Amino acid sequence: MAMTNSAGPGVLSLTGQVCLDADTENAAFQSGPMTQPKSCGEPKFAPDPSGGLMFDSVCKTDGRRVEVHAALSGDFNNAYAMDITSRVSPSVQGMPSEFRTHTEARWLGPCKPGQTPGHIAFKLSGFGRD
């Protein structure tokens, strides 16, 4: 998996591998920011004209409006790519109002010997450091 997040002048990159089984994959969707209390409109899905899928959502949380637009492509069994643009209004003090994230992921095979489901190994780089 490789993820690049740009927010304002900095770019943050994350690359690595995740060992998943059905239980850890399902658990990933049971916690985290997507499960925090908020008021969201019905998400809208549509085919992307260039292939793949588009997703749009608007939520209100902590007095802010958060708009998310995502474009997804790939076969979703062996590989996928996702571009997400999030806009926050009003922005959080000291933070940009727009964030862009690009993610690419592909299936490499079963977990390596000694890895247990849920094991994550990532390298973080950006903001002038590797």
N, C-alpha and C. Protein backbone atom coordinates (compact mmCIF):
# COMPACT_ATOMS: atom_id res chain seq x y z
N MET A 1 0.86 -1.17 0.00
CA MET A 1 0.00 0.00 0.00
C MET A 1 0.90 1.22 0.00
N ALA A 2 0.53 2.22 -0.77
CA ALA A 2 1.23 3.50 -0.78
C ALA A 2 0.19 4.60 -0.68
N MET A 3 0.44 5.58 0.20
CA MET A 3 -0.51 6.66 0.40
C MET A 3 0.25 7.98 0.45
N THR A 4 -0.24 8.95 -0.30
CA THR A 4 0.34 10.29 -0.28
C THR A 4 -0.76 11.26 0.12
N ASN A 5 -0.48 12.08 1.12
CA ASN A 5 -1.46 13.05 1.61
C ASN A 5 -0.85 14.43 1.49
N SER A 6 -1.53 15.32 0.79
CA SER A 6 -1.05 16.70 0.69
C SER A 6 -2.05 17.62 1.35
N ALA A 7 -1.54 18.42 2.25
CA ALA A 7 -2.37 19.38 2.97
C ALA A 7 -1.55 20.64 3.09
N GLY A 8 -1.90 21.65 2.34
CA GLY A 8 -1.12 22.88 2.38
C GLY A 8 0.22 22.67 1.71
N PRO A 9 1.30 23.21 2.28
CA PRO A 9 2.59 23.15 1.62
C PRO A 9 3.31 21.81 1.75
N GLY A 10 2.89 20.96 2.67
CA GLY A 10 3.61 19.72 2.92
C GLY A 10 2.98 18.52 2.25
N VAL A 11 3.80 17.52 1.99
CA VAL A 11 3.33 16.25 1.45
C VAL A 11 3.85 15.16 2.37
N LEU A 12 2.97 14.26 2.76
CA LEU A 12 3.30 13.17 3.65
C LEU A 12 3.07 11.87 2.89
N SER A 13 4.06 10.98 2.87
CA SER A 13 3.94 9.71 2.16
C SER A 13 4.07 8.56 3.15
N LEU A 14 3.30 7.54 2.90
CA LEU A 14 3.28 6.35 3.73
C LEU A 14 3.30 5.16 2.79
N THR A 15 4.28 4.28 2.93
CA THR A 15 4.34 3.07 2.12
C THR A 15 4.54 1.88 3.04
N GLY A 16 4.01 0.75 2.66
CA GLY A 16 4.22 -0.41 3.50
C GLY A 16 3.32 -1.57 3.16
N GLN A 17 3.27 -2.51 4.08
CA GLN A 17 2.48 -3.72 3.91
C GLN A 17 1.60 -3.96 5.12
N VAL A 18 0.44 -4.53 4.85
CA VAL A 18 -0.52 -4.86 5.90
C VAL A 18 -0.88 -6.33 5.73
N CYS A 19 -0.81 -7.09 6.82
CA CYS A 19 -1.22 -8.49 6.81
C CYS A 19 -2.67 -8.54 7.29
N LEU A 20 -3.58 -8.97 6.43
CA LEU A 20 -5.00 -8.98 6.77
C LEU A 20 -5.58 -10.38 6.66
N ASP A 21 -6.55 -10.65 7.51
CA ASP A 21 -7.45 -11.78 7.33
C ASP A 21 -8.86 -11.19 7.41
N ALA A 22 -9.87 -12.01 7.27
CA ALA A 22 -11.25 -11.50 7.24
C ALA A 22 -11.58 -10.75 8.54
N ASP A 23 -11.14 -11.26 9.69
CA ASP A 23 -11.48 -10.61 10.96
C ASP A 23 -10.83 -9.24 11.10
N THR A 24 -9.52 -9.13 10.77
CA THR A 24 -8.85 -7.83 10.91
C THR A 24 -9.35 -6.84 9.87
N GLU A 25 -9.70 -7.32 8.69
CA GLU A 25 -10.24 -6.43 7.67
C GLU A 25 -11.59 -5.86 8.13
N ASN A 26 -12.45 -6.71 8.67
CA ASN A 26 -13.74 -6.24 9.16
C ASN A 26 -13.58 -5.30 10.35
N ALA A 27 -12.64 -5.59 11.25
CA ALA A 27 -12.42 -4.75 12.43
C ALA A 27 -11.97 -3.36 12.04
N ALA A 28 -11.25 -3.23 10.92
CA ALA A 28 -10.78 -1.91 10.47
C ALA A 28 -11.94 -0.98 10.17
N PHE A 29 -13.08 -1.54 9.81
CA PHE A 29 -14.24 -0.71 9.50
C PHE A 29 -15.17 -0.53 10.69
N GLN A 30 -14.82 -1.09 11.84
CA GLN A 30 -15.64 -0.95 13.03
C GLN A 30 -15.14 0.14 13.97
N SER A 31 -14.00 0.76 13.64
CA SER A 31 -13.45 1.82 14.48
C SER A 31 -12.79 2.86 13.60
N GLY A 32 -12.32 3.95 14.21
CA GLY A 32 -11.62 4.98 13.46
C GLY A 32 -12.53 6.16 13.16
N PRO A 33 -12.01 7.11 12.35
CA PRO A 33 -12.74 8.36 12.13
C PRO A 33 -14.12 8.16 11.49
N MET A 34 -14.28 7.13 10.69
CA MET A 34 -15.57 6.93 10.02
C MET A 34 -16.67 6.53 10.99
N THR A 35 -16.31 6.09 12.20
CA THR A 35 -17.32 5.65 13.15
C THR A 35 -17.61 6.69 14.22
N GLN A 36 -16.93 7.84 14.17
CA GLN A 36 -17.15 8.89 15.16
C GLN A 36 -18.51 9.54 14.94
N PRO A 37 -19.15 10.05 16.01
CA PRO A 37 -20.47 10.66 15.86
C PRO A 37 -20.43 11.87 14.92
N LYS A 38 -21.35 11.89 13.98
CA LYS A 38 -21.48 13.00 13.05
C LYS A 38 -22.81 12.86 12.33
N SER A 39 -23.18 13.88 11.63
CA SER A 39 -24.41 13.87 10.87
C SER A 39 -24.05 13.93 9.39
N CYS A 40 -24.34 12.86 8.69
CA CYS A 40 -23.98 12.78 7.28
C CYS A 40 -25.23 12.60 6.42
N GLY A 41 -25.18 13.22 5.25
CA GLY A 41 -26.22 12.97 4.26
C GLY A 41 -25.99 11.61 3.63
N GLU A 42 -26.93 11.17 2.85
CA GLU A 42 -26.81 9.89 2.16
C GLU A 42 -25.64 9.96 1.18
N PRO A 43 -24.68 9.03 1.26
CA PRO A 43 -23.57 9.05 0.30
C PRO A 43 -24.08 8.80 -1.11
N LYS A 44 -23.42 9.40 -2.08
CA LYS A 44 -23.81 9.26 -3.48
C LYS A 44 -22.70 8.53 -4.23
N PHE A 45 -23.06 7.47 -4.89
CA PHE A 45 -22.13 6.70 -5.71
C PHE A 45 -22.53 6.84 -7.16
N ALA A 46 -21.54 6.89 -8.05
CA ALA A 46 -21.82 6.99 -9.48
C ALA A 46 -20.64 6.42 -10.24
N PRO A 47 -20.90 5.92 -11.46
CA PRO A 47 -19.78 5.46 -12.28
C PRO A 47 -18.89 6.66 -12.63
N ASP A 48 -17.58 6.44 -12.60
CA ASP A 48 -16.63 7.47 -13.02
C ASP A 48 -16.54 7.42 -14.54
N PRO A 49 -16.67 8.56 -15.24
CA PRO A 49 -16.61 8.55 -16.71
C PRO A 49 -15.34 7.91 -17.26
N SER A 50 -14.24 7.94 -16.49
CA SER A 50 -13.00 7.33 -16.97
C SER A 50 -12.87 5.87 -16.53
N GLY A 51 -13.93 5.32 -15.96
CA GLY A 51 -13.92 3.96 -15.43
C GLY A 51 -13.83 4.00 -13.92
N GLY A 52 -14.31 2.97 -13.26
CA GLY A 52 -14.26 2.96 -11.80
C GLY A 52 -15.52 3.53 -11.19
N LEU A 53 -15.36 4.12 -10.02
CA LEU A 53 -16.49 4.57 -9.23
C LEU A 53 -16.18 5.91 -8.59
N MET A 54 -17.18 6.77 -8.47
CA MET A 54 -17.04 8.04 -7.75
C MET A 54 -17.94 7.98 -6.52
N PHE A 55 -17.52 8.69 -5.49
CA PHE A 55 -18.24 8.72 -4.22
C PHE A 55 -18.23 10.15 -3.71
N ASP A 56 -19.39 10.65 -3.28
CA ASP A 56 -19.49 11.98 -2.69
C ASP A 56 -20.29 11.88 -1.40
N SER A 57 -19.82 12.63 -0.39
CA SER A 57 -20.49 12.63 0.90
C SER A 57 -20.32 14.00 1.55
N VAL A 58 -21.32 14.40 2.31
CA VAL A 58 -21.25 15.63 3.10
C VAL A 58 -21.65 15.29 4.53
N CYS A 59 -20.78 15.67 5.47
CA CYS A 59 -21.05 15.43 6.88
C CYS A 59 -20.90 16.73 7.66
N LYS A 60 -21.53 16.77 8.80
CA LYS A 60 -21.35 17.88 9.73
C LYS A 60 -20.88 17.28 11.04
N THR A 61 -19.75 17.80 11.54
CA THR A 61 -19.20 17.31 12.79
C THR A 61 -18.45 18.44 13.48
N ASP A 62 -18.62 18.56 14.76
CA ASP A 62 -17.95 19.60 15.55
C ASP A 62 -18.16 20.99 14.96
N GLY A 63 -19.36 21.27 14.44
CA GLY A 63 -19.67 22.59 13.89
C GLY A 63 -19.04 22.86 12.54
N ARG A 64 -18.54 21.83 11.88
CA ARG A 64 -17.91 21.99 10.58
C ARG A 64 -18.61 21.16 9.53
N ARG A 65 -18.55 21.64 8.30
CA ARG A 65 -19.06 20.91 7.15
C ARG A 65 -17.86 20.23 6.49
N VAL A 66 -17.96 18.93 6.27
CA VAL A 66 -16.88 18.17 5.64
C VAL A 66 -17.42 17.55 4.36
N GLU A 67 -16.87 17.97 3.23
CA GLU A 67 -17.25 17.43 1.93
C GLU A 67 -16.15 16.49 1.46
N VAL A 68 -16.53 15.30 1.03
CA VAL A 68 -15.56 14.31 0.56
C VAL A 68 -15.96 13.88 -0.84
N HIS A 69 -14.98 13.90 -1.74
CA HIS A 69 -15.16 13.38 -3.10
C HIS A 69 -14.05 12.35 -3.32
N ALA A 70 -14.42 11.17 -3.79
CA ALA A 70 -13.43 10.12 -4.04
C ALA A 70 -13.65 9.52 -5.42
N ALA A 71 -12.56 9.19 -6.07
CA ALA A 71 -12.60 8.47 -7.35
C ALA A 71 -11.79 7.19 -7.15
N LEU A 72 -12.41 6.05 -7.43
CA LEU A 72 -11.79 4.75 -7.22
C LEU A 72 -11.69 4.01 -8.54
N SER A 73 -10.59 3.29 -8.72
CA SER A 73 -10.43 2.49 -9.93
C SER A 73 -9.66 1.22 -9.58
N GLY A 74 -9.71 0.26 -10.46
CA GLY A 74 -9.01 -1.01 -10.27
C GLY A 74 -9.98 -2.16 -10.34
N ASP A 75 -9.47 -3.38 -10.12
CA ASP A 75 -10.37 -4.54 -10.14
C ASP A 75 -10.92 -4.84 -8.75
N PHE A 76 -10.39 -4.20 -7.70
CA PHE A 76 -10.83 -4.29 -6.32
C PHE A 76 -10.69 -5.68 -5.71
N ASN A 77 -10.12 -6.62 -6.45
CA ASN A 77 -9.77 -7.92 -5.90
C ASN A 77 -8.26 -8.02 -5.72
N ASN A 78 -7.52 -7.54 -6.71
CA ASN A 78 -6.06 -7.61 -6.67
C ASN A 78 -5.40 -6.25 -6.50
N ALA A 79 -6.08 -5.19 -6.91
CA ALA A 79 -5.48 -3.85 -6.83
C ALA A 79 -6.56 -2.79 -6.94
N TYR A 80 -6.27 -1.64 -6.34
CA TYR A 80 -7.15 -0.48 -6.50
C TYR A 80 -6.34 0.79 -6.32
N ALA A 81 -6.88 1.88 -6.84
CA ALA A 81 -6.32 3.22 -6.62
C ALA A 81 -7.48 4.10 -6.19
N MET A 82 -7.19 5.07 -5.33
CA MET A 82 -8.24 5.94 -4.82
C MET A 82 -7.67 7.35 -4.64
N ASP A 83 -8.39 8.33 -5.17
CA ASP A 83 -8.05 9.74 -4.97
C ASP A 83 -9.19 10.37 -4.19
N ILE A 84 -8.85 10.98 -3.04
CA ILE A 84 -9.85 11.59 -2.18
C ILE A 84 -9.51 13.07 -2.00
N THR A 85 -10.53 13.91 -2.17
CA THR A 85 -10.40 15.32 -1.84
C THR A 85 -11.40 15.61 -0.73
N SER A 86 -10.90 16.14 0.39
CA SER A 86 -11.75 16.49 1.52
C SER A 86 -11.65 17.99 1.75
N ARG A 87 -12.80 18.63 1.92
CA ARG A 87 -12.84 20.07 2.21
C ARG A 87 -13.57 20.28 3.53
N VAL A 88 -12.95 21.07 4.41
CA VAL A 88 -13.51 21.34 5.74
C VAL A 88 -13.83 22.82 5.83
N SER A 89 -15.08 23.13 6.25
CA SER A 89 -15.49 24.54 6.37
C SER A 89 -16.32 24.72 7.64
N PRO A 90 -15.93 25.64 8.51
CA PRO A 90 -14.68 26.40 8.48
C PRO A 90 -13.52 25.48 8.81
N SER A 91 -12.34 25.84 8.32
CA SER A 91 -11.18 24.99 8.54
C SER A 91 -10.77 25.02 10.01
N VAL A 92 -10.05 24.00 10.41
CA VAL A 92 -9.51 23.92 11.76
C VAL A 92 -8.35 24.92 11.84
N GLN A 93 -8.29 25.67 12.93
CA GLN A 93 -7.25 26.70 13.06
C GLN A 93 -5.87 26.10 12.82
N GLY A 94 -5.11 26.76 11.94
CA GLY A 94 -3.76 26.32 11.63
C GLY A 94 -3.68 25.21 10.61
N MET A 95 -4.81 24.77 10.10
CA MET A 95 -4.83 23.67 9.12
C MET A 95 -5.44 24.17 7.82
N PRO A 96 -5.04 23.61 6.69
CA PRO A 96 -5.66 23.99 5.42
C PRO A 96 -7.10 23.50 5.36
N SER A 97 -7.89 24.09 4.50
CA SER A 97 -9.28 23.68 4.38
C SER A 97 -9.45 22.51 3.42
N GLU A 98 -8.42 22.19 2.64
CA GLU A 98 -8.52 21.09 1.68
C GLU A 98 -7.37 20.11 1.86
N PHE A 99 -7.71 18.84 1.82
CA PHE A 99 -6.74 17.76 1.92
C PHE A 99 -6.92 16.85 0.71
N ARG A 100 -5.83 16.40 0.15
CA ARG A 100 -5.88 15.44 -0.96
C ARG A 100 -5.07 14.21 -0.59
N THR A 101 -5.68 13.06 -0.83
CA THR A 101 -5.02 11.80 -0.52
C THR A 101 -5.09 10.89 -1.74
N HIS A 102 -3.96 10.32 -2.10
CA HIS A 102 -3.90 9.33 -3.18
C HIS A 102 -3.42 8.02 -2.56
N THR A 103 -4.16 6.96 -2.80
CA THR A 103 -3.81 5.65 -2.26
C THR A 103 -3.77 4.64 -3.39
N GLU A 104 -2.76 3.80 -3.37
CA GLU A 104 -2.67 2.66 -4.28
C GLU A 104 -2.39 1.43 -3.44
N ALA A 105 -3.10 0.36 -3.72
CA ALA A 105 -2.90 -0.88 -2.97
C ALA A 105 -3.00 -2.06 -3.93
N ARG A 106 -2.22 -3.09 -3.62
CA ARG A 106 -2.30 -4.30 -4.43
C ARG A 106 -2.02 -5.52 -3.56
N TRP A 107 -2.61 -6.61 -3.94
CA TRP A 107 -2.46 -7.88 -3.25
C TRP A 107 -1.09 -8.44 -3.60
N LEU A 108 -0.29 -8.78 -2.59
CA LEU A 108 1.04 -9.34 -2.81
C LEU A 108 1.07 -10.84 -2.57
N GLY A 109 0.08 -11.36 -1.87
CA GLY A 109 0.05 -12.77 -1.55
C GLY A 109 -0.26 -12.95 -0.08
N PRO A 110 -0.17 -14.19 0.39
CA PRO A 110 -0.45 -14.46 1.81
C PRO A 110 0.54 -13.71 2.71
N CYS A 111 0.17 -13.59 3.97
CA CYS A 111 1.06 -12.95 4.94
C CYS A 111 2.39 -13.70 4.98
N LYS A 112 3.46 -12.96 5.25
CA LYS A 112 4.79 -13.56 5.32
C LYS A 112 4.90 -14.46 6.55
N PRO A 113 5.79 -15.45 6.50
CA PRO A 113 5.99 -16.29 7.69
C PRO A 113 6.33 -15.43 8.91
N GLY A 114 5.67 -15.71 10.02
CA GLY A 114 5.90 -14.95 11.24
C GLY A 114 4.99 -13.75 11.39
N GLN A 115 4.34 -13.31 10.32
CA GLN A 115 3.39 -12.20 10.42
C GLN A 115 2.06 -12.74 10.92
N THR A 116 1.41 -11.95 11.74
CA THR A 116 0.08 -12.31 12.20
C THR A 116 -0.91 -11.31 11.61
N PRO A 117 -2.16 -11.71 11.41
CA PRO A 117 -3.15 -10.78 10.89
C PRO A 117 -3.22 -9.52 11.75
N GLY A 118 -3.25 -8.39 11.09
CA GLY A 118 -3.25 -7.11 11.77
C GLY A 118 -1.87 -6.48 11.82
N HIS A 119 -0.82 -7.23 11.46
CA HIS A 119 0.54 -6.69 11.47
C HIS A 119 0.68 -5.65 10.37
N ILE A 120 1.23 -4.48 10.73
CA ILE A 120 1.41 -3.38 9.80
C ILE A 120 2.87 -2.96 9.84
N ALA A 121 3.47 -2.81 8.67
CA ALA A 121 4.85 -2.33 8.57
C ALA A 121 4.86 -1.18 7.56
N PHE A 122 5.09 0.05 8.03
CA PHE A 122 5.05 1.22 7.17
C PHE A 122 6.30 2.06 7.31
N LYS A 123 6.62 2.78 6.24
CA LYS A 123 7.67 3.80 6.25
C LYS A 123 6.98 5.13 5.99
N LEU A 124 7.26 6.09 6.84
CA LEU A 124 6.68 7.43 6.74
C LEU A 124 7.75 8.39 6.25
N SER A 125 7.42 9.24 5.28
CA SER A 125 8.36 10.24 4.81
C SER A 125 7.58 11.49 4.44
N GLY A 126 8.30 12.60 4.38
CA GLY A 126 7.68 13.86 3.99
C GLY A 126 8.08 14.99 4.90
N PHE A 127 7.61 16.16 4.57
CA PHE A 127 7.93 17.36 5.33
C PHE A 127 9.44 17.51 5.50
N GLY A 128 10.20 17.17 4.42
CA GLY A 128 11.64 17.37 4.43
C GLY A 128 12.44 16.28 5.10
N ARG A 129 11.76 15.21 5.58
CA ARG A 129 12.47 14.12 6.25
C ARG A 129 12.05 12.80 5.64
N ASP A 130 12.96 11.83 5.66
CA ASP A 130 12.63 10.46 5.25
C ASP A 130 12.94 9.51 6.39
